[in-house]
Amino acid sequence: MGDSGEGLIDNEARIQERMEELQRNRAQAHKPPVKNPQLRQQIESLQLARKEMARSLENTSHEARRLQLKAALADLDLRIQKMQVLAED
């Protein structure tokens, strides 16, 4: 049986993630349209993959798998950041 404190922490993490997502959406709404829609689609695809991996990390208790997921998240963050720089040019 799960600890009720864990549920509160998970809820707070989900709320924080949702707030960050809303903030990103607001920031994107104020940006001019992207010149390269294909690049934008690739960025969105990577962001979606990142969300799924973050959820997997939350639900994984095996330490070796957690390390793999953290490394994959770091890689995705780097790839997203590079593509966003390209999209801004």
PDB file of N, CA and C in Angstrom:
ATOM      1  N   MET A   1       0.828  -1.169   0.000  1.00  0.00           N
ATOM      2  CA  MET A   1       0.000   0.000   0.000  1.00  0.00           C
ATOM      3  C   MET A   1       0.880   1.243   0.000  1.00  0.00           C
ATOM      4  N   GLY A   2       0.482   2.245  -0.777  1.00  0.00           N
ATOM      5  CA  GLY A   2       1.311   3.433  -0.898  1.00  0.00           C
ATOM      6  C   GLY A   2       1.178   4.358   0.292  1.00  0.00           C
ATOM      7  N   ASP A   3       2.178   5.125   0.489  1.00  0.00           N
ATOM      8  CA  ASP A   3       2.194   6.099   1.559  1.00  0.00           C
ATOM      9  C   ASP A   3       1.415   7.325   1.103  1.00  0.00           C
ATOM     10  N   SER A   4       0.535   7.837   1.932  1.00  0.00           N
ATOM     11  CA  SER A   4      -0.287   8.990   1.540  1.00  0.00           C
ATOM     12  C   SER A   4       0.570  10.219   1.266  1.00  0.00           C
ATOM     13  N   GLY A   5       1.697  10.322   1.920  1.00  0.00           N
ATOM     14  CA  GLY A   5       2.617  11.432   1.663  1.00  0.00           C
ATOM     15  C   GLY A   5       3.170  11.392   0.256  1.00  0.00           C
ATOM     16  N   GLU A   6       3.415  10.187  -0.256  1.00  0.00           N
ATOM     17  CA  GLU A   6       3.897  10.048  -1.631  1.00  0.00           C
ATOM     18  C   GLU A   6       2.873  10.575  -2.612  1.00  0.00           C
ATOM     19  N   GLY A   7       1.602  10.307  -2.345  1.00  0.00           N
ATOM     20  CA  GLY A   7       0.539  10.792  -3.220  1.00  0.00           C
ATOM     21  C   GLY A   7       0.510  12.305  -3.282  1.00  0.00           C
ATOM     22  N   LEU A   8       0.717  12.947  -2.152  1.00  0.00           N
ATOM     23  CA  LEU A   8       0.740  14.406  -2.122  1.00  0.00           C
ATOM     24  C   LEU A   8       1.923  14.955  -2.902  1.00  0.00           C
ATOM     25  N   ILE A   9       3.068  14.323  -2.753  1.00  0.00           N
ATOM     26  CA  ILE A   9       4.258  14.755  -3.480  1.00  0.00           C
ATOM     27  C   ILE A   9       4.051  14.564  -4.972  1.00  0.00           C
ATOM     28  N   ASP A  10       3.485  13.423  -5.381  1.00  0.00           N
ATOM     29  CA  ASP A  10       3.212  13.179  -6.790  1.00  0.00           C
ATOM     30  C   ASP A  10       2.237  14.210  -7.337  1.00  0.00           C
ATOM     31  N   ASN A  11       1.205  14.525  -6.570  1.00  0.00           N
ATOM     32  CA  ASN A  11       0.239  15.537  -7.002  1.00  0.00           C
ATOM     33  C   ASN A  11       0.897  16.898  -7.166  1.00  0.00           C
ATOM     34  N   GLU A  12       1.738  17.265  -6.225  1.00  0.00           N
ATOM     35  CA  GLU A  12       2.440  18.546  -6.312  1.00  0.00           C
ATOM     36  C   GLU A  12       3.339  18.579  -7.532  1.00  0.00           C
ATOM     37  N   ALA A  13       4.010  17.475  -7.831  1.00  0.00           N
ATOM     38  CA  ALA A  13       4.879  17.414  -9.006  1.00  0.00           C
ATOM     39  C   ALA A  13       4.056  17.553 -10.278  1.00  0.00           C
ATOM     40  N   ARG A  14       2.903  16.886 -10.330  1.00  0.00           N
ATOM     41  CA  ARG A  14       2.036  16.991 -11.510  1.00  0.00           C
ATOM     42  C   ARG A  14       1.497  18.404 -11.675  1.00  0.00           C
ATOM     43  N   ILE A  15       1.121  19.026 -10.581  1.00  0.00           N
ATOM     44  CA  ILE A  15       0.622  20.402 -10.641  1.00  0.00           C
ATOM     45  C   ILE A  15       1.716  21.330 -11.133  1.00  0.00           C
ATOM     46  N   GLN A  16       2.914  21.165 -10.593  1.00  0.00           N
ATOM     47  CA  GLN A  16       4.045  22.000 -11.013  1.00  0.00           C
ATOM     48  C   GLN A  16       4.340  21.797 -12.494  1.00  0.00           C
ATOM     49  N   GLU A  17       4.326  20.546 -12.954  1.00  0.00           N
ATOM     50  CA  GLU A  17       4.573  20.248 -14.364  1.00  0.00           C
ATOM     51  C   GLU A  17       3.515  20.900 -15.249  1.00  0.00           C
ATOM     52  N   ARG A  18       2.264  20.833 -14.817  1.00  0.00           N
ATOM     53  CA  ARG A  18       1.164  21.440 -15.580  1.00  0.00           C
ATOM     54  C   ARG A  18       1.304  22.957 -15.632  1.00  0.00           C
ATOM     55  N   MET A  19       1.697  23.558 -14.520  1.00  0.00           N
ATOM     56  CA  MET A  19       1.888  25.014 -14.488  1.00  0.00           C
ATOM     57  C   MET A  19       3.018  25.432 -15.428  1.00  0.00           C
ATOM     58  N   GLU A  20       4.102  24.657 -15.443  1.00  0.00           N
ATOM     59  CA  GLU A  20       5.208  24.952 -16.344  1.00  0.00           C
ATOM     60  C   GLU A  20       4.773  24.806 -17.798  1.00  0.00           C
ATOM     61  N   GLU A  21       3.971  23.779 -18.066  1.00  0.00           N
ATOM     62  CA  GLU A  21       3.470  23.578 -19.424  1.00  0.00           C
ATOM     63  C   GLU A  21       2.599  24.753 -19.862  1.00  0.00           C
ATOM     64  N   LEU A  22       1.725  25.209 -18.992  1.00  0.00           N
ATOM     65  CA  LEU A  22       0.879  26.358 -19.310  1.00  0.00           C
ATOM     66  C   LEU A  22       1.713  27.608 -19.554  1.00  0.00           C
ATOM     67  N   GLN A  23       2.752  27.793 -18.762  1.00  0.00           N
ATOM     68  CA  GLN A  23       3.631  28.947 -18.940  1.00  0.00           C
ATOM     69  C   GLN A  23       4.342  28.879 -20.291  1.00  0.00           C
ATOM     70  N   ARG A  24       4.820  27.683 -20.672  1.00  0.00           N
ATOM     71  CA  ARG A  24       5.462  27.519 -21.983  1.00  0.00           C
ATOM     72  C   ARG A  24       4.468  27.811 -23.105  1.00  0.00           C
ATOM     73  N   ASN A  25       3.240  27.323 -22.944  1.00  0.00           N
ATOM     74  CA  ASN A  25       2.221  27.561 -23.960  1.00  0.00           C
ATOM     75  C   ASN A  25       1.930  29.048 -24.116  1.00  0.00           C
ATOM     76  N   ARG A  26       1.861  29.769 -22.995  1.00  0.00           N
ATOM     77  CA  ARG A  26       1.638  31.215 -23.064  1.00  0.00           C
ATOM     78  C   ARG A  26       2.800  31.912 -23.767  1.00  0.00           C
ATOM     79  N   ALA A  27       4.011  31.494 -23.436  1.00  0.00           N
ATOM     80  CA  ALA A  27       5.185  32.107 -24.065  1.00  0.00           C
ATOM     81  C   ALA A  27       5.199  31.832 -25.562  1.00  0.00           C
ATOM     82  N   GLN A  28       4.818  30.626 -25.959  1.00  0.00           N
ATOM     83  CA  GLN A  28       4.796  30.281 -27.376  1.00  0.00           C
ATOM     84  C   GLN A  28       3.695  31.036 -28.108  1.00  0.00           C
ATOM     85  N   ALA A  29       2.607  31.327 -27.432  1.00  0.00           N
ATOM     86  CA  ALA A  29       1.500  32.040 -28.066  1.00  0.00           C
ATOM     87  C   ALA A  29       1.911  33.464 -28.447  1.00  0.00           C
ATOM     88  N   HIS A  30       2.863  34.033 -27.735  1.00  0.00           N
ATOM     89  CA  HIS A  30       3.313  35.388 -28.006  1.00  0.00           C
ATOM     90  C   HIS A  30       4.451  35.442 -29.019  1.00  0.00           C
ATOM     91  N   LYS A  31       4.964  34.295 -29.414  1.00  0.00           N
ATOM     92  CA  LYS A  31       6.060  34.250 -30.382  1.00  0.00           C
ATOM     93  C   LYS A  31       5.491  34.296 -31.795  1.00  0.00           C
ATOM     94  N   PRO A  32       6.260  34.858 -32.722  1.00  0.00           N
ATOM     95  CA  PRO A  32       5.798  34.855 -34.117  1.00  0.00           C
ATOM     96  C   PRO A  32       5.778  33.430 -34.664  1.00  0.00           C
ATOM     97  N   PRO A  33       5.030  33.188 -35.736  1.00  0.00           N
ATOM     98  CA  PRO A  33       4.962  31.838 -36.301  1.00  0.00           C
ATOM     99  C   PRO A  33       6.346  31.323 -36.707  1.00  0.00           C
ATOM    100  N   VAL A  34       6.516  30.039 -36.580  1.00  0.00           N
ATOM    101  CA  VAL A  34       7.787  29.406 -36.905  1.00  0.00           C
ATOM    102  C   VAL A  34       7.953  29.341 -38.415  1.00  0.00           C
ATOM    103  N   LYS A  35       9.153  29.633 -38.865  1.00  0.00           N
ATOM    104  CA  LYS A  35       9.428  29.625 -40.299  1.00  0.00           C
ATOM    105  C   LYS A  35       9.477  28.216 -40.863  1.00  0.00           C
ATOM    106  N   ASN A  36       9.889  27.257 -40.042  1.00  0.00           N
ATOM    107  CA  ASN A  36      10.059  25.884 -40.499  1.00  0.00           C
ATOM    108  C   ASN A  36       9.093  24.967 -39.743  1.00  0.00           C
ATOM    109  N   PRO A  37       7.916  24.695 -40.330  1.00  0.00           N
ATOM    110  CA  PRO A  37       6.934  23.875 -39.611  1.00  0.00           C
ATOM    111  C   PRO A  37       7.411  22.446 -39.344  1.00  0.00           C
ATOM    112  N   GLN A  38       8.241  21.904 -40.222  1.00  0.00           N
ATOM    113  CA  GLN A  38       8.750  20.548 -40.017  1.00  0.00           C
ATOM    114  C   GLN A  38       9.647  20.502 -38.774  1.00  0.00           C
ATOM    115  N   LEU A  39      10.476  21.512 -38.613  1.00  0.00           N
ATOM    116  CA  LEU A  39      11.345  21.593 -37.435  1.00  0.00           C
ATOM    117  C   LEU A  39      10.495  21.744 -36.171  1.00  0.00           C
ATOM    118  N   ARG A  40       9.448  22.548 -36.249  1.00  0.00           N
ATOM    119  CA  ARG A  40       8.553  22.727 -35.108  1.00  0.00           C
ATOM    120  C   ARG A  40       7.894  21.403 -34.716  1.00  0.00           C
ATOM    121  N   GLN A  41       7.507  20.637 -35.724  1.00  0.00           N
ATOM    122  CA  GLN A  41       6.886  19.336 -35.469  1.00  0.00           C
ATOM    123  C   GLN A  41       7.879  18.392 -34.789  1.00  0.00           C
ATOM    124  N   GLN A  42       9.134  18.419 -35.218  1.00  0.00           N
ATOM    125  CA  GLN A  42      10.154  17.580 -34.597  1.00  0.00           C
ATOM    126  C   GLN A  42      10.364  17.979 -33.136  1.00  0.00           C
ATOM    127  N   ILE A  43      10.357  19.276 -32.878  1.00  0.00           N
ATOM    128  CA  ILE A  43      10.521  19.766 -31.504  1.00  0.00           C
ATOM    129  C   ILE A  43       9.357  19.283 -30.642  1.00  0.00           C
ATOM    130  N   GLU A  44       8.142  19.409 -31.149  1.00  0.00           N
ATOM    131  CA  GLU A  44       6.971  18.973 -30.398  1.00  0.00           C
ATOM    132  C   GLU A  44       7.005  17.464 -30.137  1.00  0.00           C
ATOM    133  N   SER A  45       7.488  16.712 -31.112  1.00  0.00           N
ATOM    134  CA  SER A  45       7.607  15.268 -30.953  1.00  0.00           C
ATOM    135  C   SER A  45       8.604  14.929 -29.837  1.00  0.00           C
ATOM    136  N   LEU A  46       9.728  15.628 -29.818  1.00  0.00           N
ATOM    137  CA  LEU A  46      10.719  15.409 -28.761  1.00  0.00           C
ATOM    138  C   LEU A  46      10.159  15.810 -27.395  1.00  0.00           C
ATOM    139  N   GLN A  47       9.394  16.897 -27.347  1.00  0.00           N
ATOM    140  CA  GLN A  47       8.800  17.325 -26.081  1.00  0.00           C
ATOM    141  C   GLN A  47       7.806  16.292 -25.566  1.00  0.00           C
ATOM    142  N   LEU A  48       7.059  15.699 -26.480  1.00  0.00           N
ATOM    143  CA  LEU A  48       6.115  14.656 -26.091  1.00  0.00           C
ATOM    144  C   LEU A  48       6.864  13.433 -25.554  1.00  0.00           C
ATOM    145  N   ALA A  49       7.936  13.047 -26.239  1.00  0.00           N
ATOM    146  CA  ALA A  49       8.749  11.919 -25.787  1.00  0.00           C
ATOM    147  C   ALA A  49       9.330  12.207 -24.404  1.00  0.00           C
ATOM    148  N   ARG A  50       9.715  13.462 -24.183  1.00  0.00           N
ATOM    149  CA  ARG A  50      10.275  13.839 -22.892  1.00  0.00           C
ATOM    150  C   ARG A  50       9.231  13.684 -21.778  1.00  0.00           C
ATOM    151  N   LYS A  51       7.989  14.104 -22.056  1.00  0.00           N
ATOM    152  CA  LYS A  51       6.927  13.967 -21.058  1.00  0.00           C
ATOM    153  C   LYS A  51       6.701  12.498 -20.702  1.00  0.00           C
ATOM    154  N   GLU A  52       6.667  11.641 -21.711  1.00  0.00           N
ATOM    155  CA  GLU A  52       6.464  10.214 -21.465  1.00  0.00           C
ATOM    156  C   GLU A  52       7.604   9.637 -20.642  1.00  0.00           C
ATOM    157  N   MET A  53       8.833  10.046 -20.963  1.00  0.00           N
ATOM    158  CA  MET A  53       9.976   9.547 -20.214  1.00  0.00           C
ATOM    159  C   MET A  53       9.959  10.046 -18.776  1.00  0.00           C
ATOM    160  N   ALA A  54       9.538  11.281 -18.580  1.00  0.00           N
ATOM    161  CA  ALA A  54       9.444  11.831 -17.227  1.00  0.00           C
ATOM    162  C   ALA A  54       8.406  11.054 -16.409  1.00  0.00           C
ATOM    163  N   ARG A  55       7.310  10.689 -17.046  1.00  0.00           N
ATOM    164  CA  ARG A  55       6.294   9.880 -16.351  1.00  0.00           C
ATOM    165  C   ARG A  55       6.857   8.506 -15.996  1.00  0.00           C
ATOM    166  N   SER A  56       7.600   7.922 -16.927  1.00  0.00           N
ATOM    167  CA  SER A  56       8.210   6.621 -16.658  1.00  0.00           C
ATOM    168  C   SER A  56       9.179   6.713 -15.481  1.00  0.00           C
ATOM    169  N   LEU A  57       9.926   7.805 -15.446  1.00  0.00           N
ATOM    170  CA  LEU A  57      10.877   8.000 -14.357  1.00  0.00           C
ATOM    171  C   LEU A  57      10.148   8.090 -13.018  1.00  0.00           C
ATOM    172  N   GLU A  58       9.020   8.785 -12.990  1.00  0.00           N
ATOM    173  CA  GLU A  58       8.241   8.902 -11.756  1.00  0.00           C
ATOM    174  C   GLU A  58       7.757   7.542 -11.261  1.00  0.00           C
ATOM    175  N   ASN A  59       7.457   6.641 -12.198  1.00  0.00           N
ATOM    176  CA  ASN A  59       6.862   5.357 -11.844  1.00  0.00           C
ATOM    177  C   ASN A  59       7.862   4.219 -11.719  1.00  0.00           C
ATOM    178  N   THR A  60       9.132   4.497 -11.936  1.00  0.00           N
ATOM    179  CA  THR A  60      10.152   3.454 -11.897  1.00  0.00           C
ATOM    180  C   THR A  60      10.887   3.488 -10.566  1.00  0.00           C
ATOM    181  N   SER A  61      11.039   2.313  -9.985  1.00  0.00           N
ATOM    182  CA  SER A  61      11.755   2.249  -8.711  1.00  0.00           C
ATOM    183  C   SER A  61      13.133   1.601  -8.844  1.00  0.00           C
ATOM    184  N   HIS A  62      13.376   0.886  -9.930  1.00  0.00           N
ATOM    185  CA  HIS A  62      14.661   0.220 -10.138  1.00  0.00           C
ATOM    186  C   HIS A  62      15.720   1.272 -10.473  1.00  0.00           C
ATOM    187  N   GLU A  63      16.768   1.316  -9.662  1.00  0.00           N
ATOM    188  CA  GLU A  63      17.754   2.395  -9.769  1.00  0.00           C
ATOM    189  C   GLU A  63      18.486   2.419 -11.111  1.00  0.00           C
ATOM    190  N   ALA A  64      18.828   1.269 -11.665  1.00  0.00           N
ATOM    191  CA  ALA A  64      19.523   1.242 -12.960  1.00  0.00           C
ATOM    192  C   ALA A  64      18.637   1.835 -14.051  1.00  0.00           C
ATOM    193  N   ARG A  65      17.361   1.516 -14.033  1.00  0.00           N
ATOM    194  CA  ARG A  65      16.426   2.061 -15.020  1.00  0.00           C
ATOM    195  C   ARG A  65      16.237   3.558 -14.815  1.00  0.00           C
ATOM    196  N   ARG A  66      16.221   3.995 -13.566  1.00  0.00           N
ATOM    197  CA  ARG A  66      16.095   5.423 -13.278  1.00  0.00           C
ATOM    198  C   ARG A  66      17.284   6.192 -13.850  1.00  0.00           C
ATOM    199  N   LEU A  67      18.474   5.615 -13.720  1.00  0.00           N
ATOM    200  CA  LEU A  67      19.673   6.267 -14.273  1.00  0.00           C
ATOM    201  C   LEU A  67      19.585   6.360 -15.797  1.00  0.00           C
ATOM    202  N   GLN A  68      19.100   5.294 -16.435  1.00  0.00           N
ATOM    203  CA  GLN A  68      18.924   5.312 -17.888  1.00  0.00           C
ATOM    204  C   GLN A  68      17.939   6.400 -18.301  1.00  0.00           C
ATOM    205  N   LEU A  69      16.838   6.476 -17.595  1.00  0.00           N
ATOM    206  CA  LEU A  69      15.814   7.466 -17.932  1.00  0.00           C
ATOM    207  C   LEU A  69      16.322   8.894 -17.709  1.00  0.00           C
ATOM    208  N   LYS A  70      17.084   9.101 -16.641  1.00  0.00           N
ATOM    209  CA  LYS A  70      17.638  10.434 -16.388  1.00  0.00           C
ATOM    210  C   LYS A  70      18.605  10.834 -17.494  1.00  0.00           C
ATOM    211  N   ALA A  71      19.425   9.891 -17.955  1.00  0.00           N
ATOM    212  CA  ALA A  71      20.355  10.174 -19.050  1.00  0.00           C
ATOM    213  C   ALA A  71      19.585  10.473 -20.344  1.00  0.00           C
ATOM    214  N   ALA A  72      18.538   9.716 -20.591  1.00  0.00           N
ATOM    215  CA  ALA A  72      17.724   9.936 -21.788  1.00  0.00           C
ATOM    216  C   ALA A  72      17.026  11.297 -21.723  1.00  0.00           C
ATOM    217  N   LEU A  73      16.547  11.679 -20.551  1.00  0.00           N
ATOM    218  CA  LEU A  73      15.918  12.992 -20.387  1.00  0.00           C
ATOM    219  C   LEU A  73      16.917  14.114 -20.651  1.00  0.00           C
ATOM    220  N   ALA A  74      18.120  13.955 -20.151  1.00  0.00           N
ATOM    221  CA  ALA A  74      19.158  14.965 -20.378  1.00  0.00           C
ATOM    222  C   ALA A  74      19.461  15.091 -21.868  1.00  0.00           C
ATOM    223  N   ASP A  75      19.526  13.949 -22.549  1.00  0.00           N
ATOM    224  CA  ASP A  75      19.773  13.960 -23.993  1.00  0.00           C
ATOM    225  C   ASP A  75      18.631  14.642 -24.744  1.00  0.00           C
ATOM    226  N   LEU A  76      17.406  14.323 -24.364  1.00  0.00           N
ATOM    227  CA  LEU A  76      16.251  14.958 -25.010  1.00  0.00           C
ATOM    228  C   LEU A  76      16.247  16.464 -24.764  1.00  0.00           C
ATOM    229  N   ASP A  77      16.563  16.877 -23.547  1.00  0.00           N
ATOM    230  CA  ASP A  77      16.611  18.307 -23.234  1.00  0.00           C
ATOM    231  C   ASP A  77      17.624  19.017 -24.131  1.00  0.00           C
ATOM    232  N   LEU A  78      18.777  18.400 -24.317  1.00  0.00           N
ATOM    233  CA  LEU A  78      19.815  18.986 -25.156  1.00  0.00           C
ATOM    234  C   LEU A  78      19.351  19.072 -26.613  1.00  0.00           C
ATOM    235  N   ARG A  79      18.739  18.003 -27.106  1.00  0.00           N
ATOM    236  CA  ARG A  79      18.261  17.997 -28.493  1.00  0.00           C
ATOM    237  C   ARG A  79      17.156  19.023 -28.705  1.00  0.00           C
ATOM    238  N   ILE A  80      16.261  19.137 -27.748  1.00  0.00           N
ATOM    239  CA  ILE A  80      15.177  20.121 -27.847  1.00  0.00           C
ATOM    240  C   ILE A  80      15.753  21.533 -27.864  1.00  0.00           C
ATOM    241  N   GLN A  81      16.707  21.778 -26.981  1.00  0.00           N
ATOM    242  CA  GLN A  81      17.310  23.097 -26.898  1.00  0.00           C
ATOM    243  C   GLN A  81      18.008  23.458 -28.216  1.00  0.00           C
ATOM    244  N   LYS A  82      18.746  22.536 -28.799  1.00  0.00           N
ATOM    245  CA  LYS A  82      19.433  22.794 -30.071  1.00  0.00           C
ATOM    246  C   LYS A  82      18.434  23.077 -31.195  1.00  0.00           C
ATOM    247  N   MET A  83      17.365  22.307 -31.230  1.00  0.00           N
ATOM    248  CA  MET A  83      16.359  22.510 -32.282  1.00  0.00           C
ATOM    249  C   MET A  83      15.624  23.839 -32.106  1.00  0.00           C
ATOM    250  N   GLN A  84      15.387  24.241 -30.859  1.00  0.00           N
ATOM    251  CA  GLN A  84      14.724  25.520 -30.624  1.00  0.00           C
ATOM    252  C   GLN A  84      15.608  26.672 -31.083  1.00  0.00           C
ATOM    253  N   VAL A  85      16.912  26.549 -30.899  1.00  0.00           N
ATOM    254  CA  VAL A  85      17.829  27.570 -31.387  1.00  0.00           C
ATOM    255  C   VAL A  85      17.754  27.647 -32.910  1.00  0.00           C
ATOM    256  N   LEU A  86      17.707  26.495 -33.571  1.00  0.00           N
ATOM    257  CA  LEU A  86      17.577  26.470 -35.022  1.00  0.00           C
ATOM    258  C   LEU A  86      16.266  27.083 -35.484  1.00  0.00           C
ATOM    259  N   ALA A  87      15.204  26.830 -34.743  1.00  0.00           N
ATOM    260  CA  ALA A  87      13.877  27.331 -35.112  1.00  0.00           C
ATOM    261  C   ALA A  87      13.805  28.853 -34.983  1.00  0.00           C
ATOM    262  N   GLU A  88      14.579  29.415 -34.066  1.00  0.00           N
ATOM    263  CA  GLU A  88      14.565  30.860 -33.859  1.00  0.00           C
ATOM    264  C   GLU A  88      15.326  31.595 -34.935  1.00  0.00           C
ATOM    265  N   ASP A  89      16.257  30.936 -35.575  1.00  0.00           N
ATOM    266  CA  ASP A  89      17.064  31.606 -36.616  1.00  0.00           C
ATOM    267  C   ASP A  89      16.307  31.858 -37.871  1.00  0.00           C
TER     268      ASP A  89
END
